[in-house]
PDB file of all heavy atoms in Angstrom:
ATOM      1  N   ASP A   1     -10.137   4.946 -19.359  1.00  0.00           N
ATOM      2  CA  ASP A   1     -10.831   5.913 -18.564  1.00  0.00           C
ATOM      3  C   ASP A   1     -12.218   6.364 -19.168  1.00  0.00           C
ATOM      4  O   ASP A   1     -13.005   7.009 -18.416  1.00  0.00           O
ATOM      5  CB  ASP A   1      -9.956   7.164 -18.377  1.00  0.00           C
ATOM      6  CG  ASP A   1      -8.775   6.902 -17.483  1.00  0.00           C
ATOM      7  OD1 ASP A   1      -8.891   6.076 -16.590  1.00  0.00           O
ATOM      8  OD2 ASP A   1      -7.764   7.593 -17.637  1.00  0.00           O
ATOM      9  N   ASP A   2     -12.459   6.078 -20.426  1.00  0.00           N
ATOM     10  CA  ASP A   2     -13.641   6.385 -21.104  1.00  0.00           C
ATOM     11  C   ASP A   2     -14.750   5.324 -20.993  1.00  0.00           C
ATOM     12  O   ASP A   2     -15.883   5.458 -21.457  1.00  0.00           O
ATOM     13  CB  ASP A   2     -13.472   6.752 -22.544  1.00  0.00           C
ATOM     14  CG  ASP A   2     -12.612   8.046 -22.715  1.00  0.00           C
ATOM     15  OD1 ASP A   2     -12.732   8.967 -21.879  1.00  0.00           O
ATOM     16  OD2 ASP A   2     -11.897   8.068 -23.742  1.00  0.00           O
ATOM     17  N   VAL A   3     -14.399   4.224 -20.363  1.00  0.00           N
ATOM     18  CA  VAL A   3     -15.277   3.071 -20.231  1.00  0.00           C
ATOM     19  C   VAL A   3     -16.175   3.308 -18.992  1.00  0.00           C
ATOM     20  O   VAL A   3     -15.640   3.472 -17.863  1.00  0.00           O
ATOM     21  CB  VAL A   3     -14.567   1.740 -20.132  1.00  0.00           C
ATOM     22  CG1 VAL A   3     -15.537   0.579 -19.952  1.00  0.00           C
ATOM     23  CG2 VAL A   3     -13.777   1.513 -21.427  1.00  0.00           C
ATOM     24  N   ALA A   4     -17.501   3.423 -19.156  1.00  0.00           N
ATOM     25  CA  ALA A   4     -18.385   3.648 -18.078  1.00  0.00           C
ATOM     26  C   ALA A   4     -18.718   2.380 -17.310  1.00  0.00           C
ATOM     27  O   ALA A   4     -18.834   2.355 -16.062  1.00  0.00           O
ATOM     28  CB  ALA A   4     -19.708   4.285 -18.551  1.00  0.00           C
ATOM     29  N   SER A   5     -18.869   1.255 -18.015  1.00  0.00           N
ATOM     30  CA  SER A   5     -19.151  -0.013 -17.375  1.00  0.00           C
ATOM     31  C   SER A   5     -19.011  -1.125 -18.365  1.00  0.00           C
ATOM     32  O   SER A   5     -18.953  -0.914 -19.593  1.00  0.00           O
ATOM     33  CB  SER A   5     -20.570  -0.087 -16.741  1.00  0.00           C
ATOM     34  OG  SER A   5     -21.531  -0.004 -17.805  1.00  0.00           O
ATOM     35  N   VAL A   6     -18.841  -2.362 -17.852  1.00  0.00           N
ATOM     36  CA  VAL A   6     -18.686  -3.526 -18.678  1.00  0.00           C
ATOM     37  C   VAL A   6     -19.574  -4.596 -18.069  1.00  0.00           C
ATOM     38  O   VAL A   6     -19.592  -4.875 -16.886  1.00  0.00           O
ATOM     39  CB  VAL A   6     -17.263  -4.027 -18.699  1.00  0.00           C
ATOM     40  CG1 VAL A   6     -17.118  -5.291 -19.568  1.00  0.00           C
ATOM     41  CG2 VAL A   6     -16.249  -3.031 -19.168  1.00  0.00           C
ATOM     42  N   PHE A   7     -20.375  -5.270 -18.986  1.00  0.00           N
ATOM     43  CA  PHE A   7     -21.220  -6.300 -18.614  1.00  0.00           C
ATOM     44  C   PHE A   7     -20.960  -7.583 -19.331  1.00  0.00           C
ATOM     45  O   PHE A   7     -20.878  -7.606 -20.575  1.00  0.00           O
ATOM     46  CB  PHE A   7     -22.700  -5.871 -18.861  1.00  0.00           C
ATOM     47  CG  PHE A   7     -23.717  -6.851 -18.354  1.00  0.00           C
ATOM     48  CD1 PHE A   7     -24.009  -7.035 -16.996  1.00  0.00           C
ATOM     49  CD2 PHE A   7     -24.411  -7.704 -19.285  1.00  0.00           C
ATOM     50  CE1 PHE A   7     -24.967  -7.942 -16.550  1.00  0.00           C
ATOM     51  CE2 PHE A   7     -25.367  -8.595 -18.803  1.00  0.00           C
ATOM     52  CZ  PHE A   7     -25.601  -8.747 -17.466  1.00  0.00           C
ATOM     53  N   PHE A   8     -20.613  -8.662 -18.574  1.00  0.00           N
ATOM     54  CA  PHE A   8     -20.288  -9.935 -19.207  1.00  0.00           C
ATOM     55  C   PHE A   8     -21.346 -10.904 -18.963  1.00  0.00           C
ATOM     56  O   PHE A   8     -22.009 -10.907 -17.926  1.00  0.00           O
ATOM     57  CB  PHE A   8     -19.028 -10.551 -18.485  1.00  0.00           C
ATOM     58  CG  PHE A   8     -17.748  -9.769 -18.628  1.00  0.00           C
ATOM     59  CD1 PHE A   8     -17.395  -8.914 -17.667  1.00  0.00           C
ATOM     60  CD2 PHE A   8     -16.922 -10.019 -19.728  1.00  0.00           C
ATOM     61  CE1 PHE A   8     -16.196  -8.173 -17.746  1.00  0.00           C
ATOM     62  CE2 PHE A   8     -15.772  -9.316 -19.856  1.00  0.00           C
ATOM     63  CZ  PHE A   8     -15.371  -8.382 -18.863  1.00  0.00           C
ATOM     64  N   THR A   9     -21.591 -11.845 -19.897  1.00  0.00           N
ATOM     65  CA  THR A   9     -22.365 -13.078 -19.650  1.00  0.00           C
ATOM     66  C   THR A   9     -21.529 -14.249 -20.140  1.00  0.00           C
ATOM     67  O   THR A   9     -20.715 -14.107 -20.991  1.00  0.00           O
ATOM     68  CB  THR A   9     -23.731 -13.046 -20.382  1.00  0.00           C
ATOM     69  OG1 THR A   9     -23.516 -13.110 -21.803  1.00  0.00           O
ATOM     70  CG2 THR A   9     -24.609 -11.898 -20.014  1.00  0.00           C
ATOM     71  N   THR A  10     -21.779 -15.383 -19.462  1.00  0.00           N
ATOM     72  CA  THR A  10     -21.194 -16.604 -19.911  1.00  0.00           C
ATOM     73  C   THR A  10     -22.279 -17.674 -20.064  1.00  0.00           C
ATOM     74  O   THR A  10     -23.355 -17.610 -19.339  1.00  0.00           O
ATOM     75  CB  THR A  10     -20.153 -17.150 -18.853  1.00  0.00           C
ATOM     76  OG1 THR A  10     -20.864 -17.348 -17.623  1.00  0.00           O
ATOM     77  CG2 THR A  10     -19.015 -16.131 -18.663  1.00  0.00           C
ATOM     78  N   THR A  11     -22.080 -18.598 -20.896  1.00  0.00           N
ATOM     79  CA  THR A  11     -23.066 -19.662 -21.086  1.00  0.00           C
ATOM     80  C   THR A  11     -22.920 -20.503 -19.708  1.00  0.00           C
ATOM     81  O   THR A  11     -21.930 -20.429 -19.021  1.00  0.00           O
ATOM     82  CB  THR A  11     -22.656 -20.582 -22.224  1.00  0.00           C
ATOM     83  OG1 THR A  11     -21.296 -20.944 -22.237  1.00  0.00           O
ATOM     84  CG2 THR A  11     -23.063 -19.837 -23.603  1.00  0.00           C
ATOM     85  N   PRO A  12     -24.012 -21.206 -19.312  1.00  0.00           N
ATOM     86  CA  PRO A  12     -24.094 -21.927 -18.085  1.00  0.00           C
ATOM     87  C   PRO A  12     -22.942 -22.912 -17.904  1.00  0.00           C
ATOM     88  O   PRO A  12     -22.622 -23.246 -16.723  1.00  0.00           O
ATOM     89  CB  PRO A  12     -25.399 -22.604 -18.172  1.00  0.00           C
ATOM     90  CG  PRO A  12     -26.299 -21.830 -19.089  1.00  0.00           C
ATOM     91  CD  PRO A  12     -25.315 -21.310 -20.123  1.00  0.00           C
ATOM     92  N   ASP A  13     -22.302 -23.306 -18.897  1.00  0.00           N
ATOM     93  CA  ASP A  13     -21.236 -24.350 -18.791  1.00  0.00           C
ATOM     94  C   ASP A  13     -19.871 -23.705 -18.454  1.00  0.00           C
ATOM     95  O   ASP A  13     -18.949 -24.471 -18.265  1.00  0.00           O
ATOM     96  CB  ASP A  13     -21.121 -25.228 -20.078  1.00  0.00           C
ATOM     97  CG  ASP A  13     -20.992 -24.419 -21.288  1.00  0.00           C
ATOM     98  OD1 ASP A  13     -21.024 -23.152 -21.275  1.00  0.00           O
ATOM     99  OD2 ASP A  13     -20.949 -25.009 -22.438  1.00  0.00           O
ATOM    100  N   LEU A  14     -19.822 -22.444 -18.324  1.00  0.00           N
ATOM    101  CA  LEU A  14     -18.605 -21.734 -17.942  1.00  0.00           C
ATOM    102  C   LEU A  14     -18.751 -21.249 -16.486  1.00  0.00           C
ATOM    103  O   LEU A  14     -19.402 -20.124 -16.312  1.00  0.00           O
ATOM    104  CB  LEU A  14     -18.238 -20.591 -18.897  1.00  0.00           C
ATOM    105  CG  LEU A  14     -17.838 -21.016 -20.241  1.00  0.00           C
ATOM    106  CD1 LEU A  14     -17.590 -19.706 -21.149  1.00  0.00           C
ATOM    107  CD2 LEU A  14     -16.572 -21.842 -20.262  1.00  0.00           C
ATOM    108  N   ASN A  15     -18.247 -21.944 -15.529  1.00  0.00           N
ATOM    109  CA  ASN A  15     -18.423 -21.512 -14.165  1.00  0.00           C
ATOM    110  C   ASN A  15     -17.106 -21.613 -13.359  1.00  0.00           C
ATOM    111  O   ASN A  15     -17.147 -21.562 -12.095  1.00  0.00           O
ATOM    112  CB  ASN A  15     -19.507 -22.320 -13.447  1.00  0.00           C
ATOM    113  CG  ASN A  15     -19.239 -23.829 -13.461  1.00  0.00           C
ATOM    114  OD1 ASN A  15     -18.147 -24.246 -13.830  1.00  0.00           O
ATOM    115  ND2 ASN A  15     -20.213 -24.551 -13.020  1.00  0.00           N
ATOM    116  N   ALA A  16     -15.967 -21.823 -14.000  1.00  0.00           N
ATOM    117  CA  ALA A  16     -14.722 -21.969 -13.249  1.00  0.00           C
ATOM    118  C   ALA A  16     -13.993 -20.726 -13.004  1.00  0.00           C
ATOM    119  O   ALA A  16     -12.993 -20.691 -12.235  1.00  0.00           O
ATOM    120  CB  ALA A  16     -13.811 -22.938 -14.072  1.00  0.00           C
ATOM    121  N   GLY A  17     -14.491 -19.583 -13.551  1.00  0.00           N
ATOM    122  CA  GLY A  17     -13.792 -18.342 -13.276  1.00  0.00           C
ATOM    123  C   GLY A  17     -14.637 -17.182 -13.761  1.00  0.00           C
ATOM    124  O   GLY A  17     -15.714 -17.372 -14.416  1.00  0.00           O
ATOM    125  N   PHE A  18     -14.182 -15.979 -13.476  1.00  0.00           N
ATOM    126  CA  PHE A  18     -14.914 -14.771 -13.756  1.00  0.00           C
ATOM    127  C   PHE A  18     -14.213 -13.999 -14.940  1.00  0.00           C
ATOM    128  O   PHE A  18     -13.029 -13.678 -14.835  1.00  0.00           O
ATOM    129  CB  PHE A  18     -14.939 -13.850 -12.559  1.00  0.00           C
ATOM    130  CG  PHE A  18     -15.692 -14.388 -11.417  1.00  0.00           C
ATOM    131  CD1 PHE A  18     -15.036 -14.889 -10.313  1.00  0.00           C
ATOM    132  CD2 PHE A  18     -17.089 -14.349 -11.446  1.00  0.00           C
ATOM    133  CE1 PHE A  18     -15.737 -15.317  -9.243  1.00  0.00           C
ATOM    134  CE2 PHE A  18     -17.820 -14.855 -10.317  1.00  0.00           C
ATOM    135  CZ  PHE A  18     -17.116 -15.347  -9.216  1.00  0.00           C
ATOM    136  N   PRO A  19     -14.933 -13.637 -15.998  1.00  0.00           N
ATOM    137  CA  PRO A  19     -14.313 -12.821 -17.039  1.00  0.00           C
ATOM    138  C   PRO A  19     -13.880 -11.424 -16.509  1.00  0.00           C
ATOM    139  O   PRO A  19     -12.835 -10.924 -16.948  1.00  0.00           O
ATOM    140  CB  PRO A  19     -15.478 -12.595 -18.023  1.00  0.00           C
ATOM    141  CG  PRO A  19     -16.427 -13.757 -17.840  1.00  0.00           C
ATOM    142  CD  PRO A  19     -16.304 -14.074 -16.344  1.00  0.00           C
ATOM    143  N   ALA A  20     -14.512 -10.947 -15.457  1.00  0.00           N
ATOM    144  CA  ALA A  20     -14.126  -9.622 -14.949  1.00  0.00           C
ATOM    145  C   ALA A  20     -12.724  -9.675 -14.323  1.00  0.00           C
ATOM    146  O   ALA A  20     -12.073  -8.646 -14.299  1.00  0.00           O
ATOM    147  CB  ALA A  20     -15.125  -9.208 -13.850  1.00  0.00           C
ATOM    148  N   ALA A  21     -12.204 -10.789 -13.941  1.00  0.00           N
ATOM    149  CA  ALA A  21     -10.884 -10.919 -13.378  1.00  0.00           C
ATOM    150  C   ALA A  21      -9.882 -10.518 -14.473  1.00  0.00           C
ATOM    151  O   ALA A  21      -8.854  -9.824 -14.173  1.00  0.00           O
ATOM    152  CB  ALA A  21     -10.598 -12.313 -12.926  1.00  0.00           C
ATOM    153  N   ALA A  22     -10.125 -10.855 -15.728  1.00  0.00           N
ATOM    154  CA  ALA A  22      -9.246 -10.527 -16.821  1.00  0.00           C
ATOM    155  C   ALA A  22      -9.297  -8.970 -17.039  1.00  0.00           C
ATOM    156  O   ALA A  22      -8.313  -8.390 -17.320  1.00  0.00           O
ATOM    157  CB  ALA A  22      -9.568 -11.265 -18.051  1.00  0.00           C
ATOM    158  N   ALA A  23     -10.507  -8.436 -16.963  1.00  0.00           N
ATOM    159  CA  ALA A  23     -10.654  -6.963 -17.091  1.00  0.00           C
ATOM    160  C   ALA A  23      -9.886  -6.233 -16.074  1.00  0.00           C
ATOM    161  O   ALA A  23      -9.149  -5.215 -16.428  1.00  0.00           O
ATOM    162  CB  ALA A  23     -12.090  -6.628 -17.073  1.00  0.00           C
ATOM    163  N   ARG A  24      -9.912  -6.679 -14.821  1.00  0.00           N
ATOM    164  CA  ARG A  24      -9.125  -5.969 -13.816  1.00  0.00           C
ATOM    165  C   ARG A  24      -7.604  -6.000 -14.114  1.00  0.00           C
ATOM    166  O   ARG A  24      -6.926  -5.030 -13.932  1.00  0.00           O
ATOM    167  CB  ARG A  24      -9.461  -6.540 -12.453  1.00  0.00           C
ATOM    168  CG  ARG A  24     -10.829  -6.103 -11.926  1.00  0.00           C
ATOM    169  CD  ARG A  24     -11.083  -6.550 -10.468  1.00  0.00           C
ATOM    170  NE  ARG A  24     -11.214  -7.972 -10.248  1.00  0.00           N
ATOM    171  CZ  ARG A  24     -12.388  -8.614 -10.427  1.00  0.00           C
ATOM    172  NH1 ARG A  24     -13.511  -7.975 -10.766  1.00  0.00           N
ATOM    173  NH2 ARG A  24     -12.432  -9.895 -10.239  1.00  0.00           N
ATOM    174  N   LYS A  25      -7.182  -7.184 -14.576  1.00  0.00           N
ATOM    175  CA  LYS A  25      -5.720  -7.324 -14.985  1.00  0.00           C
ATOM    176  C   LYS A  25      -5.329  -6.417 -16.064  1.00  0.00           C
ATOM    177  O   LYS A  25      -4.191  -5.941 -16.205  1.00  0.00           O
ATOM    178  CB  LYS A  25      -5.445  -8.750 -15.306  1.00  0.00           C
ATOM    179  CG  LYS A  25      -5.491  -9.659 -14.116  1.00  0.00           C
ATOM    180  CD  LYS A  25      -5.208 -11.184 -14.578  1.00  0.00           C
ATOM    181  CE  LYS A  25      -5.312 -12.103 -13.467  1.00  0.00           C
ATOM    182  NZ  LYS A  25      -5.138 -13.489 -13.898  1.00  0.00           N
ATOM    183  N   LEU A  26      -6.315  -5.998 -16.960  1.00  0.00           N
ATOM    184  CA  LEU A  26      -5.992  -5.166 -18.041  1.00  0.00           C
ATOM    185  C   LEU A  26      -6.101  -3.662 -17.697  1.00  0.00           C
ATOM    186  O   LEU A  26      -5.942  -2.771 -18.519  1.00  0.00           O
ATOM    187  CB  LEU A  26      -6.984  -5.420 -19.233  1.00  0.00           C
ATOM    188  CG  LEU A  26      -6.815  -6.713 -19.978  1.00  0.00           C
ATOM    189  CD1 LEU A  26      -7.880  -6.897 -20.982  1.00  0.00           C
ATOM    190  CD2 LEU A  26      -5.445  -6.667 -20.710  1.00  0.00           C
ATOM    191  N   GLY A  27      -6.454  -3.390 -16.378  1.00  0.00           N
ATOM    192  CA  GLY A  27      -6.551  -1.987 -15.971  1.00  0.00           C
ATOM    193  C   GLY A  27      -7.878  -1.411 -15.706  1.00  0.00           C
ATOM    194  O   GLY A  27      -8.026  -0.202 -15.539  1.00  0.00           O
TER     195      GLY A  27
END
């Protein structure tokens, strides 16, 4: 609840999924 925002980057060779999907699963 104290997290205002999260910004992810991936190297160009990672394009099969979104890191944010894991964040949503964590709440």
